Amino acid sequence: MTFEVYCITFASNSYNLFDIINANELIFPYYSKRDVYILGLAGSKGQAKYLVKDMLMEIYDKTGDFRVREYF
């Protein structure tokens, strides 16, 4: 039995702020060759989106910008 867990990570490209990926994807070879920084965990994709929103609001409230990597 697998559980639905979604990871919020730094974006894999410079056009986005975060990636939301299913934790089960971390077993793929692609991820073993990359540094993956997990910034948050959620029990569903919908919860992950709300968590990203909350994270962005916190970052903006404290810094006045959306520089995610610099904040963390």
PDB file of N, CA and C in Angstrom:
ATOM      1  N   MET A   1       0.842  -1.178   0.000  1.00  0.00           N
ATOM      2  CA  MET A   1       0.000   0.000   0.000  1.00  0.00           C
ATOM      3  C   MET A   1       0.889   1.244   0.000  1.00  0.00           C
ATOM      4  N   THR A   2       0.603   2.168  -0.873  1.00  0.00           N
ATOM      5  CA  THR A   2       1.357   3.418  -0.915  1.00  0.00           C
ATOM      6  C   THR A   2       0.486   4.549  -0.414  1.00  0.00           C
ATOM      7  N   PHE A   3       1.122   5.540   0.112  1.00  0.00           N
ATOM      8  CA  PHE A   3       0.427   6.717   0.609  1.00  0.00           C
ATOM      9  C   PHE A   3       0.661   7.866  -0.347  1.00  0.00           C
ATOM     10  N   GLU A   4      -0.333   8.705  -0.469  1.00  0.00           N
ATOM     11  CA  GLU A   4      -0.176   9.893  -1.290  1.00  0.00           C
ATOM     12  C   GLU A   4       0.526  10.957  -0.461  1.00  0.00           C
ATOM     13  N   VAL A   5       1.747  11.230  -0.829  1.00  0.00           N
ATOM     14  CA  VAL A   5       2.514  12.295  -0.198  1.00  0.00           C
ATOM     15  C   VAL A   5       3.125  13.117  -1.323  1.00  0.00           C
ATOM     16  N   TYR A   6       2.957  14.409  -1.230  1.00  0.00           N
ATOM     17  CA  TYR A   6       3.515  15.304  -2.232  1.00  0.00           C
ATOM     18  C   TYR A   6       4.609  16.147  -1.601  1.00  0.00           C
ATOM     19  N   CYS A   7       5.695  16.295  -2.338  1.00  0.00           N
ATOM     20  CA  CYS A   7       6.847  17.069  -1.887  1.00  0.00           C
ATOM     21  C   CYS A   7       6.852  18.419  -2.594  1.00  0.00           C
ATOM     22  N   ILE A   8       7.105  19.447  -1.844  1.00  0.00           N
ATOM     23  CA  ILE A   8       7.294  20.778  -2.415  1.00  0.00           C
ATOM     24  C   ILE A   8       8.793  21.016  -2.402  1.00  0.00           C
ATOM     25  N   THR A   9       9.336  21.261  -3.583  1.00  0.00           N
ATOM     26  CA  THR A   9      10.781  21.409  -3.739  1.00  0.00           C
ATOM     27  C   THR A   9      11.093  22.709  -4.470  1.00  0.00           C
ATOM     28  N   PHE A  10      12.363  23.087  -4.447  1.00  0.00           N
ATOM     29  CA  PHE A  10      12.777  24.188  -5.314  1.00  0.00           C
ATOM     30  C   PHE A  10      12.461  23.802  -6.747  1.00  0.00           C
ATOM     31  N   ALA A  11      12.119  24.771  -7.555  1.00  0.00           N
ATOM     32  CA  ALA A  11      11.798  24.515  -8.955  1.00  0.00           C
ATOM     33  C   ALA A  11      12.995  23.933  -9.689  1.00  0.00           C
ATOM     34  N   SER A  12      12.712  23.045 -10.616  1.00  0.00           N
ATOM     35  CA  SER A  12      13.775  22.420 -11.406  1.00  0.00           C
ATOM     36  C   SER A  12      14.220  23.299 -12.568  1.00  0.00           C
ATOM     37  N   ASN A  13      13.534  24.425 -12.776  1.00  0.00           N
ATOM     38  CA  ASN A  13      13.943  25.358 -13.823  1.00  0.00           C
ATOM     39  C   ASN A  13      13.820  26.782 -13.293  1.00  0.00           C
ATOM     40  N   SER A  14      14.363  27.714 -14.007  1.00  0.00           N
ATOM     41  CA  SER A  14      14.406  29.100 -13.532  1.00  0.00           C
ATOM     42  C   SER A  14      13.107  29.867 -13.772  1.00  0.00           C
ATOM     43  N   TYR A  15      12.144  29.262 -14.428  1.00  0.00           N
ATOM     44  CA  TYR A  15      10.883  29.944 -14.734  1.00  0.00           C
ATOM     45  C   TYR A  15       9.838  29.771 -13.634  1.00  0.00           C
ATOM     46  N   ASN A  16      10.053  28.834 -12.731  1.00  0.00           N
ATOM     47  CA  ASN A  16       9.091  28.550 -11.673  1.00  0.00           C
ATOM     48  C   ASN A  16       9.719  28.809 -10.318  1.00  0.00           C
ATOM     49  N   LEU A  17       8.877  28.833  -9.290  1.00  0.00           N
ATOM     50  CA  LEU A  17       9.366  29.021  -7.929  1.00  0.00           C
ATOM     51  C   LEU A  17       9.482  27.708  -7.176  1.00  0.00           C
ATOM     52  N   PHE A  18       8.491  26.818  -7.365  1.00  0.00           N
ATOM     53  CA  PHE A  18       8.449  25.530  -6.690  1.00  0.00           C
ATOM     54  C   PHE A  18       8.058  24.445  -7.680  1.00  0.00           C
ATOM     55  N   ASP A  19       8.367  23.215  -7.330  1.00  0.00           N
ATOM     56  CA  ASP A  19       7.804  22.038  -7.990  1.00  0.00           C
ATOM     57  C   ASP A  19       7.000  21.284  -6.948  1.00  0.00           C
ATOM     58  N   ILE A  20       5.916  20.677  -7.383  1.00  0.00           N
ATOM     59  CA  ILE A  20       5.140  19.783  -6.535  1.00  0.00           C
ATOM     60  C   ILE A  20       5.236  18.413  -7.181  1.00  0.00           C
ATOM     61  N   ILE A  21       5.837  17.470  -6.468  1.00  0.00           N
ATOM     62  CA  ILE A  21       6.015  16.132  -7.039  1.00  0.00           C
ATOM     63  C   ILE A  21       5.514  15.071  -6.061  1.00  0.00           C
ATOM     64  N   ASN A  22       5.005  14.008  -6.619  1.00  0.00           N
ATOM     65  CA  ASN A  22       4.583  12.880  -5.797  1.00  0.00           C
ATOM     66  C   ASN A  22       5.840  12.221  -5.237  1.00  0.00           C
ATOM     67  N   ALA A  23       5.838  11.919  -3.955  1.00  0.00           N
ATOM     68  CA  ALA A  23       7.020  11.340  -3.312  1.00  0.00           C
ATOM     69  C   ALA A  23       7.451  10.039  -3.973  1.00  0.00           C
ATOM     70  N   ASN A  24       6.509   9.291  -4.552  1.00  0.00           N
ATOM     71  CA  ASN A  24       6.857   8.036  -5.217  1.00  0.00           C
ATOM     72  C   ASN A  24       7.773   8.254  -6.416  1.00  0.00           C
ATOM     73  N   GLU A  25       7.762   9.453  -6.990  1.00  0.00           N
ATOM     74  CA  GLU A  25       8.622   9.748  -8.137  1.00  0.00           C
ATOM     75  C   GLU A  25      10.100   9.821  -7.752  1.00  0.00           C
ATOM     76  N   LEU A  26      10.387   9.990  -6.480  1.00  0.00           N
ATOM     77  CA  LEU A  26      11.782  10.132  -6.051  1.00  0.00           C
ATOM     78  C   LEU A  26      12.609   8.873  -6.271  1.00  0.00           C
ATOM     79  N   ILE A  27      11.962   7.747  -6.567  1.00  0.00           N
ATOM     80  CA  ILE A  27      12.710   6.514  -6.834  1.00  0.00           C
ATOM     81  C   ILE A  27      13.280   6.476  -8.255  1.00  0.00           C
ATOM     82  N   PHE A  28      12.819   7.370  -9.130  1.00  0.00           N
ATOM     83  CA  PHE A  28      13.296   7.365 -10.516  1.00  0.00           C
ATOM     84  C   PHE A  28      14.753   7.819 -10.588  1.00  0.00           C
ATOM     85  N   PRO A  29      15.528   7.269 -11.513  1.00  0.00           N
ATOM     86  CA  PRO A  29      16.949   7.628 -11.640  1.00  0.00           C
ATOM     87  C   PRO A  29      17.194   9.124 -11.834  1.00  0.00           C
ATOM     88  N   TYR A  30      16.264   9.817 -12.471  1.00  0.00           N
ATOM     89  CA  TYR A  30      16.405  11.260 -12.687  1.00  0.00           C
ATOM     90  C   TYR A  30      16.708  11.978 -11.373  1.00  0.00           C
ATOM     91  N   TYR A  31      15.990  11.620 -10.321  1.00  0.00           N
ATOM     92  CA  TYR A  31      16.157  12.306  -9.043  1.00  0.00           C
ATOM     93  C   TYR A  31      17.410  11.884  -8.292  1.00  0.00           C
ATOM     94  N   SER A  32      17.912  10.695  -8.559  1.00  0.00           N
ATOM     95  CA  SER A  32      19.131  10.257  -7.871  1.00  0.00           C
ATOM     96  C   SER A  32      20.360  11.025  -8.355  1.00  0.00           C
ATOM     97  N   LYS A  33      20.251  11.678  -9.500  1.00  0.00           N
ATOM     98  CA  LYS A  33      21.356  12.448 -10.055  1.00  0.00           C
ATOM     99  C   LYS A  33      21.251  13.937  -9.756  1.00  0.00           C
ATOM    100  N   ARG A  34      20.241  14.322  -8.999  1.00  0.00           N
ATOM    101  CA  ARG A  34      19.999  15.736  -8.722  1.00  0.00           C
ATOM    102  C   ARG A  34      19.901  15.970  -7.215  1.00  0.00           C
ATOM    103  N   ASP A  35      20.242  17.175  -6.819  1.00  0.00           N
ATOM    104  CA  ASP A  35      20.012  17.574  -5.436  1.00  0.00           C
ATOM    105  C   ASP A  35      18.558  18.023  -5.327  1.00  0.00           C
ATOM    106  N   VAL A  36      17.791  17.341  -4.510  1.00  0.00           N
ATOM    107  CA  VAL A  36      16.389  17.682  -4.314  1.00  0.00           C
ATOM    108  C   VAL A  36      16.234  18.198  -2.892  1.00  0.00           C
ATOM    109  N   TYR A  37      15.796  19.443  -2.765  1.00  0.00           N
ATOM    110  CA  TYR A  37      15.586  20.060  -1.463  1.00  0.00           C
ATOM    111  C   TYR A  37      14.091  20.097  -1.186  1.00  0.00           C
ATOM    112  N   ILE A  38      13.662  19.290  -0.243  1.00  0.00           N
ATOM    113  CA  ILE A  38      12.248  19.221   0.095  1.00  0.00           C
ATOM    114  C   ILE A  38      11.954  20.307   1.117  1.00  0.00           C
ATOM    115  N   LEU A  39      11.077  21.217   0.729  1.00  0.00           N
ATOM    116  CA  LEU A  39      10.742  22.363   1.566  1.00  0.00           C
ATOM    117  C   LEU A  39       9.438  22.160   2.325  1.00  0.00           C
ATOM    118  N   GLY A  40       8.628  21.202   1.872  1.00  0.00           N
ATOM    119  CA  GLY A  40       7.366  20.940   2.533  1.00  0.00           C
ATOM    120  C   GLY A  40       6.777  19.627   2.064  1.00  0.00           C
ATOM    121  N   LEU A  41       5.875  19.074   2.880  1.00  0.00           N
ATOM    122  CA  LEU A  41       5.177  17.830   2.555  1.00  0.00           C
ATOM    123  C   LEU A  41       3.687  18.042   2.738  1.00  0.00           C
ATOM    124  N   ALA A  42       2.900  17.387   1.884  1.00  0.00           N
ATOM    125  CA  ALA A  42       1.446  17.491   1.975  1.00  0.00           C
ATOM    126  C   ALA A  42       0.820  16.142   1.644  1.00  0.00           C
ATOM    127  N   GLY A  43      -0.380  15.932   2.143  1.00  0.00           N
ATOM    128  CA  GLY A  43      -1.073  14.665   1.960  1.00  0.00           C
ATOM    129  C   GLY A  43      -1.864  14.549   0.676  1.00  0.00           C
ATOM    130  N   SER A  44      -1.976  15.628  -0.089  1.00  0.00           N
ATOM    131  CA  SER A  44      -2.654  15.588  -1.384  1.00  0.00           C
ATOM    132  C   SER A  44      -2.107  16.730  -2.236  1.00  0.00           C
ATOM    133  N   LYS A  45      -2.386  16.659  -3.528  1.00  0.00           N
ATOM    134  CA  LYS A  45      -1.910  17.725  -4.411  1.00  0.00           C
ATOM    135  C   LYS A  45      -2.597  19.044  -4.071  1.00  0.00           C
ATOM    136  N   GLY A  46      -3.875  18.966  -3.714  1.00  0.00           N
ATOM    137  CA  GLY A  46      -4.601  20.169  -3.319  1.00  0.00           C
ATOM    138  C   GLY A  46      -4.005  20.810  -2.078  1.00  0.00           C
ATOM    139  N   GLN A  47      -3.671  19.992  -1.084  1.00  0.00           N
ATOM    140  CA  GLN A  47      -3.036  20.507   0.125  1.00  0.00           C
ATOM    141  C   GLN A  47      -1.669  21.104  -0.187  1.00  0.00           C
ATOM    142  N   ALA A  48      -0.965  20.491  -1.130  1.00  0.00           N
ATOM    143  CA  ALA A  48       0.345  21.011  -1.529  1.00  0.00           C
ATOM    144  C   ALA A  48       0.208  22.402  -2.140  1.00  0.00           C
ATOM    145  N   LYS A  49      -0.825  22.598  -2.944  1.00  0.00           N
ATOM    146  CA  LYS A  49      -1.046  23.924  -3.550  1.00  0.00           C
ATOM    147  C   LYS A  49      -1.334  24.969  -2.485  1.00  0.00           C
ATOM    148  N   TYR A  50      -2.136  24.611  -1.479  1.00  0.00           N
ATOM    149  CA  TYR A  50      -2.409  25.549  -0.393  1.00  0.00           C
ATOM    150  C   TYR A  50      -1.146  25.850   0.405  1.00  0.00           C
ATOM    151  N   LEU A  51      -0.313  24.841   0.619  1.00  0.00           N
ATOM    152  CA  LEU A  51       0.930  25.046   1.346  1.00  0.00           C
ATOM    153  C   LEU A  51       1.868  25.966   0.568  1.00  0.00           C
ATOM    154  N   VAL A  52       1.944  25.782  -0.749  1.00  0.00           N
ATOM    155  CA  VAL A  52       2.763  26.655  -1.589  1.00  0.00           C
ATOM    156  C   VAL A  52       2.265  28.095  -1.478  1.00  0.00           C
ATOM    157  N   LYS A  53       0.955  28.273  -1.516  1.00  0.00           N
ATOM    158  CA  LYS A  53       0.379  29.617  -1.381  1.00  0.00           C
ATOM    159  C   LYS A  53       0.793  30.233  -0.045  1.00  0.00           C
ATOM    160  N   ASP A  54       0.669  29.459   1.023  1.00  0.00           N
ATOM    161  CA  ASP A  54       1.049  29.964   2.346  1.00  0.00           C
ATOM    162  C   ASP A  54       2.534  30.297   2.414  1.00  0.00           C
ATOM    163  N   MET A  55       3.353  29.462   1.808  1.00  0.00           N
ATOM    164  CA  MET A  55       4.792  29.709   1.795  1.00  0.00           C
ATOM    165  C   MET A  55       5.109  30.995   1.033  1.00  0.00           C
ATOM    166  N   LEU A  56       4.465  31.177  -0.115  1.00  0.00           N
ATOM    167  CA  LEU A  56       4.695  32.385  -0.911  1.00  0.00           C
ATOM    168  C   LEU A  56       4.253  33.639  -0.165  1.00  0.00           C
ATOM    169  N   MET A  57       3.121  33.548   0.515  1.00  0.00           N
ATOM    170  CA  MET A  57       2.640  34.705   1.273  1.00  0.00           C
ATOM    171  C   MET A  57       3.610  35.055   2.404  1.00  0.00           C
ATOM    172  N   GLU A  58       4.138  34.035   3.077  1.00  0.00           N
ATOM    173  CA  GLU A  58       5.110  34.277   4.144  1.00  0.00           C
ATOM    174  C   GLU A  58       6.368  34.933   3.594  1.00  0.00           C
ATOM    175  N   ILE A  59       6.868  34.398   2.486  1.00  0.00           N
ATOM    176  CA  ILE A  59       8.075  34.950   1.866  1.00  0.00           C
ATOM    177  C   ILE A  59       7.850  36.407   1.479  1.00  0.00           C
ATOM    178  N   TYR A  60       6.711  36.690   0.843  1.00  0.00           N
ATOM    179  CA  TYR A  60       6.436  38.063   0.407  1.00  0.00           C
ATOM    180  C   TYR A  60       6.239  38.996   1.601  1.00  0.00           C
ATOM    181  N   ASP A  61       5.523  38.522   2.626  1.00  0.00           N
ATOM    182  CA  ASP A  61       5.296  39.353   3.816  1.00  0.00           C
ATOM    183  C   ASP A  61       6.598  39.720   4.507  1.00  0.00           C
ATOM    184  N   LYS A  62       7.548  38.802   4.534  1.00  0.00           N
ATOM    185  CA  LYS A  62       8.801  39.046   5.259  1.00  0.00           C
ATOM    186  C   LYS A  62       9.863  39.739   4.424  1.00  0.00           C
ATOM    187  N   THR A  63       9.786  39.600   3.081  1.00  0.00           N
ATOM    188  CA  THR A  63      10.855  40.152   2.251  1.00  0.00           C
ATOM    189  C   THR A  63      10.384  41.167   1.216  1.00  0.00           C
ATOM    190  N   GLY A  64       9.078  41.167   0.903  1.00  0.00           N
ATOM    191  CA  GLY A  64       8.575  42.059  -0.142  1.00  0.00           C
ATOM    192  C   GLY A  64       8.899  41.561  -1.539  1.00  0.00           C
ATOM    193  N   ASP A  65       9.304  40.306  -1.641  1.00  0.00           N
ATOM    194  CA  ASP A  65       9.681  39.736  -2.939  1.00  0.00           C
ATOM    195  C   ASP A  65       9.365  38.245  -2.933  1.00  0.00           C
ATOM    196  N   PHE A  66       9.590  37.604  -4.068  1.00  0.00           N
ATOM    197  CA  PHE A  66       9.326  36.171  -4.201  1.00  0.00           C
ATOM    198  C   PHE A  66      10.610  35.389  -4.488  1.00  0.00           C
ATOM    199  N   ARG A  67      11.692  35.767  -3.862  1.00  0.00           N
ATOM    200  CA  ARG A  67      12.977  35.076  -4.062  1.00  0.00           C
ATOM    201  C   ARG A  67      13.034  33.867  -3.133  1.00  0.00           C
ATOM    202  N   VAL A  68      12.468  32.783  -3.602  1.00  0.00           N
ATOM    203  CA  VAL A  68      12.304  31.580  -2.801  1.00  0.00           C
ATOM    204  C   VAL A  68      13.639  31.001  -2.361  1.00  0.00           C
ATOM    205  N   ARG A  69      14.546  30.831  -3.287  1.00  0.00           N
ATOM    206  CA  ARG A  69      15.844  30.219  -2.949  1.00  0.00           C
ATOM    207  C   ARG A  69      16.617  31.054  -1.928  1.00  0.00           C
ATOM    208  N   GLU A  70      16.585  32.357  -2.086  1.00  0.00           N
ATOM    209  CA  GLU A  70      17.293  33.222  -1.152  1.00  0.00           C
ATOM    210  C   GLU A  70      16.650  33.164   0.232  1.00  0.00           C
ATOM    211  N   TYR A  71      15.344  33.052   0.280  1.00  0.00           N
ATOM    212  CA  TYR A  71      14.635  33.013   1.561  1.00  0.00           C
ATOM    213  C   TYR A  71      14.987  31.759   2.355  1.00  0.00           C
ATOM    214  N   PHE A  72      15.016  30.626   1.662  1.00  0.00           N
ATOM    215  CA  PHE A  72      15.316  29.371   2.352  1.00  0.00           C
ATOM    216  C   PHE A  72      16.809  29.154   2.444  1.00  0.00           C
TER     217      PHE A  72
END
